[in-house]
Amino acid sequence: MRLEPSDKPMYHRMDQRDRALIMIPVFGIAASLGLFFLAARFPAIIGGPFIGLGVCGMFGSAIRYWKLKQLIMPLSGCCLEIQTSCFVARQPWKKEHYEQCRIYFKEVQALIREAKAGGFYLQIPEGGESEIRGSGENRRCLFYVSPFGYPEEKMQAVYQTIKERLPETAEIYEYET
């Protein structure tokens, strides 16, 4: 079983980034209007809120733009694949870096399902054959399988298939809302 993500959520993220970029000068104009009111000798109660809203909005929009910019990257080559003896995944991380894993079912210690987001975690031992590689890290023991770009039904099918192939010693945690 192999799943490849849809590009639609990434395009939605790009639209959000563009909206945040547009809001920076809009809030800048609001701050400038507040300065104009103060310079024209209007009461500070009129100009002050415009300045405060404009400056806070500019910083908030700039931070949102910066965070979204780090999360935008091509999804080509990303996938979730269940092979006969292992689970293989490559998914976007941030700043053009990808997170990838090859986890053998026999080594899984725990499967943890999130209640709201639709993703799940796989925990493996430190010294086994399985490997998890992320941005700048050599090895990790916990891998989050992100539902970003995948239909909910397909993620449910991947989760159920992995759950069925786990050894009896693996612990399974399913959190409900």
Protein backbone atom coordinates (compact mmCIF):
# COMPACT_ATOMS: atom_id res chain seq x y z
CA MET A 1 0.00 0.00 0.00
CA ARG A 2 1.43 3.37 -1.03
CA LEU A 3 -0.06 6.82 -0.51
CA GLU A 4 1.13 10.07 -2.05
CA PRO A 5 -0.07 13.42 -0.65
CA SER A 6 -2.29 15.86 -2.48
CA ASP A 7 -0.85 19.29 -3.32
CA LYS A 8 -4.04 21.13 -2.32
CA PRO A 9 -3.12 21.62 1.37
CA MET A 10 0.27 23.03 0.34
CA TYR A 11 -1.44 25.48 -2.05
CA HIS A 12 -3.75 26.48 0.80
CA ARG A 13 -0.67 27.12 2.96
CA MET A 14 0.79 29.27 0.16
CA ASP A 15 -2.43 31.31 0.03
CA GLN A 16 -2.25 31.86 3.79
CA ARG A 17 1.37 32.99 3.46
CA ASP A 18 0.39 35.46 0.72
CA ARG A 19 -2.46 36.85 2.84
CA ALA A 20 -0.08 37.36 5.76
CA LEU A 21 2.33 39.20 3.45
CA ILE A 22 -0.47 41.49 2.22
CA MET A 23 -1.55 42.27 5.79
CA ILE A 24 1.87 43.68 6.76
CA PRO A 25 1.47 46.91 4.72
CA VAL A 26 -2.25 47.10 5.60
CA PHE A 27 -1.37 47.23 9.30
CA GLY A 28 1.46 49.65 8.44
CA ILE A 29 -1.10 52.00 6.90
CA ALA A 30 -3.22 51.75 10.07
CA ALA A 31 -0.17 52.70 12.19
CA SER A 32 0.59 55.58 9.82
CA LEU A 33 -2.99 56.78 10.11
CA GLY A 34 -2.60 56.79 13.90
CA LEU A 35 0.57 58.87 13.58
CA PHE A 36 -1.30 61.25 11.27
CA PHE A 37 -4.07 61.65 13.87
CA LEU A 38 -1.51 62.43 16.56
CA ALA A 39 0.33 64.90 14.31
CA ALA A 40 -2.99 66.62 13.46
CA ARG A 41 -3.55 67.17 17.19
CA PHE A 42 -6.41 64.72 17.55
CA PRO A 43 -6.75 63.30 21.06
CA ALA A 44 -4.33 60.48 21.84
CA ILE A 45 -7.30 58.21 22.50
CA ILE A 46 -8.00 58.27 18.74
CA GLY A 47 -4.46 57.96 17.33
CA GLY A 48 -3.04 55.61 20.00
CA PRO A 49 -5.24 52.58 19.22
CA PHE A 50 -4.47 52.90 15.50
CA ILE A 51 -0.75 52.90 16.23
CA GLY A 52 -1.02 49.99 18.69
CA LEU A 53 -3.21 47.91 16.37
CA GLY A 54 -1.01 48.66 13.37
CA VAL A 55 2.29 47.80 15.05
CA CYS A 56 0.95 44.63 16.70
CA GLY A 57 -0.71 43.57 13.44
CA MET A 58 2.49 44.15 11.45
CA PHE A 59 4.56 42.05 13.86
CA GLY A 60 1.90 39.32 14.04
CA SER A 61 1.58 39.15 10.25
CA ALA A 62 5.36 39.15 9.79
CA ILE A 63 5.78 36.27 12.26
CA ARG A 64 2.95 34.31 10.61
CA TYR A 65 4.48 34.92 7.17
CA TRP A 66 7.90 33.74 8.37
CA LYS A 67 6.49 30.56 9.95
CA LEU A 68 4.39 29.67 6.90
CA LYS A 69 7.32 30.36 4.57
CA GLN A 70 9.34 27.69 6.40
CA LEU A 71 6.58 25.11 5.93
CA ILE A 72 6.17 25.51 2.17
CA MET A 73 8.08 22.99 0.06
CA PRO A 74 7.50 20.58 -2.82
CA LEU A 75 5.68 17.35 -1.98
CA SER A 76 7.27 15.39 -4.81
CA GLY A 77 8.85 12.23 -3.47
CA CYS A 78 6.76 12.30 -0.28
CA CYS A 79 4.81 9.15 0.50
CA LEU A 80 3.60 6.67 3.08
CA GLU A 81 4.27 3.08 2.09
CA ILE A 82 3.51 -0.18 3.84
CA GLN A 83 5.76 -3.00 2.66
CA THR A 84 5.63 -6.62 3.79
CA SER A 85 7.96 -6.21 6.76
CA CYS A 86 8.24 -2.46 7.27
CA PHE A 87 6.68 0.99 7.06
CA VAL A 88 8.45 3.62 4.93
CA ALA A 89 7.62 7.33 4.99
CA ARG A 90 9.01 10.57 3.61
CA GLN A 91 7.21 13.73 4.63
CA PRO A 92 7.87 17.48 4.66
CA TRP A 93 9.49 18.92 7.76
CA LYS A 94 10.50 22.58 7.32
CA LYS A 95 12.95 24.82 5.47
CA GLU A 96 13.20 22.45 2.48
CA HIS A 97 14.13 19.52 4.75
CA TYR A 98 12.30 16.25 4.81
CA GLU A 99 11.76 13.69 7.53
CA GLN A 100 11.97 10.03 6.58
CA CYS A 101 11.84 6.63 8.20
CA ARG A 102 12.05 2.90 7.63
CA ILE A 103 10.45 1.16 10.57
CA TYR A 104 10.30 -2.62 10.78
CA PHE A 105 7.06 -3.85 12.32
CA LYS A 106 8.86 -6.39 14.53
CA GLU A 107 10.71 -3.52 16.29
CA VAL A 108 7.78 -1.21 17.04
CA GLN A 109 7.43 -0.67 20.79
CA ALA A 110 4.37 1.59 20.73
CA LEU A 111 1.72 2.93 18.37
CA ILE A 112 0.08 6.13 19.63
CA ARG A 113 -2.93 7.62 17.86
CA GLU A 114 -3.80 11.30 18.24
CA ALA A 115 -7.38 12.21 19.00
CA LYS A 116 -7.84 15.35 16.90
CA ALA A 117 -5.21 15.69 14.18
CA GLY A 118 -5.56 12.25 12.58
CA GLY A 119 -1.85 11.44 12.74
CA PHE A 120 -0.07 8.86 14.85
CA TYR A 121 3.31 8.14 16.42
CA LEU A 122 5.52 5.07 16.07
CA GLN A 123 8.11 4.37 18.76
CA ILE A 124 11.14 2.14 18.11
CA PRO A 125 14.12 1.02 20.23
CA GLU A 126 17.45 2.83 19.95
CA GLY A 127 19.70 0.05 18.69
CA GLY A 128 17.53 -1.72 16.11
CA GLU A 129 17.52 -1.92 12.33
CA SER A 130 14.77 0.68 11.99
CA GLU A 131 15.81 4.24 11.39
CA ILE A 132 14.24 7.67 11.58
CA ARG A 133 15.98 10.63 10.02
CA GLY A 134 14.91 14.23 10.32
CA SER A 135 16.29 17.66 9.74
CA GLY A 136 19.90 17.63 10.92
CA GLU A 137 19.38 14.71 13.28
CA ASN A 138 21.10 11.37 13.03
CA ARG A 139 18.68 9.06 14.84
CA ARG A 140 15.46 9.33 16.78
CA CYS A 141 13.17 6.84 18.50
CA LEU A 142 9.79 8.49 17.86
CA PHE A 143 8.27 9.25 14.46
CA TYR A 144 5.10 11.27 13.89
CA VAL A 145 3.17 10.23 10.79
CA SER A 146 1.55 13.46 9.65
CA PRO A 147 -1.88 13.41 7.97
CA PHE A 148 -0.97 16.54 5.95
CA GLY A 149 -2.17 16.07 2.37
CA TYR A 150 -3.78 12.66 2.88
CA PRO A 151 -7.53 11.89 2.99
CA GLU A 152 -8.77 10.87 6.42
CA GLU A 153 -10.03 7.48 5.19
CA LYS A 154 -6.65 6.59 3.70
CA MET A 155 -4.83 7.57 6.90
CA GLN A 156 -7.25 5.40 8.84
CA ALA A 157 -6.47 2.48 6.49
CA VAL A 158 -2.71 2.98 6.95
CA TYR A 159 -3.12 3.11 10.73
CA GLN A 160 -5.25 -0.05 10.79
CA THR A 161 -2.82 -1.94 8.55
CA ILE A 162 0.14 -0.99 10.74
CA LYS A 163 -1.84 -1.89 13.86
CA GLU A 164 -2.59 -5.36 12.46
CA ARG A 165 1.05 -6.07 11.62
CA LEU A 166 2.52 -5.09 14.98
CA PRO A 167 3.96 -7.74 17.28
CA GLU A 168 1.96 -8.68 20.38
CA THR A 169 4.54 -6.96 22.59
CA ALA A 170 3.81 -3.54 21.07
CA GLU A 171 1.70 -1.19 23.14
CA ILE A 172 -1.20 0.57 21.42
CA TYR A 173 -2.59 3.86 22.72
CA GLU A 174 -5.71 5.33 21.12
CA TYR A 175 -6.84 8.67 22.49
CA GLU A 176 -10.43 9.76 21.91
CA THR A 177 -11.78 13.31 22.02
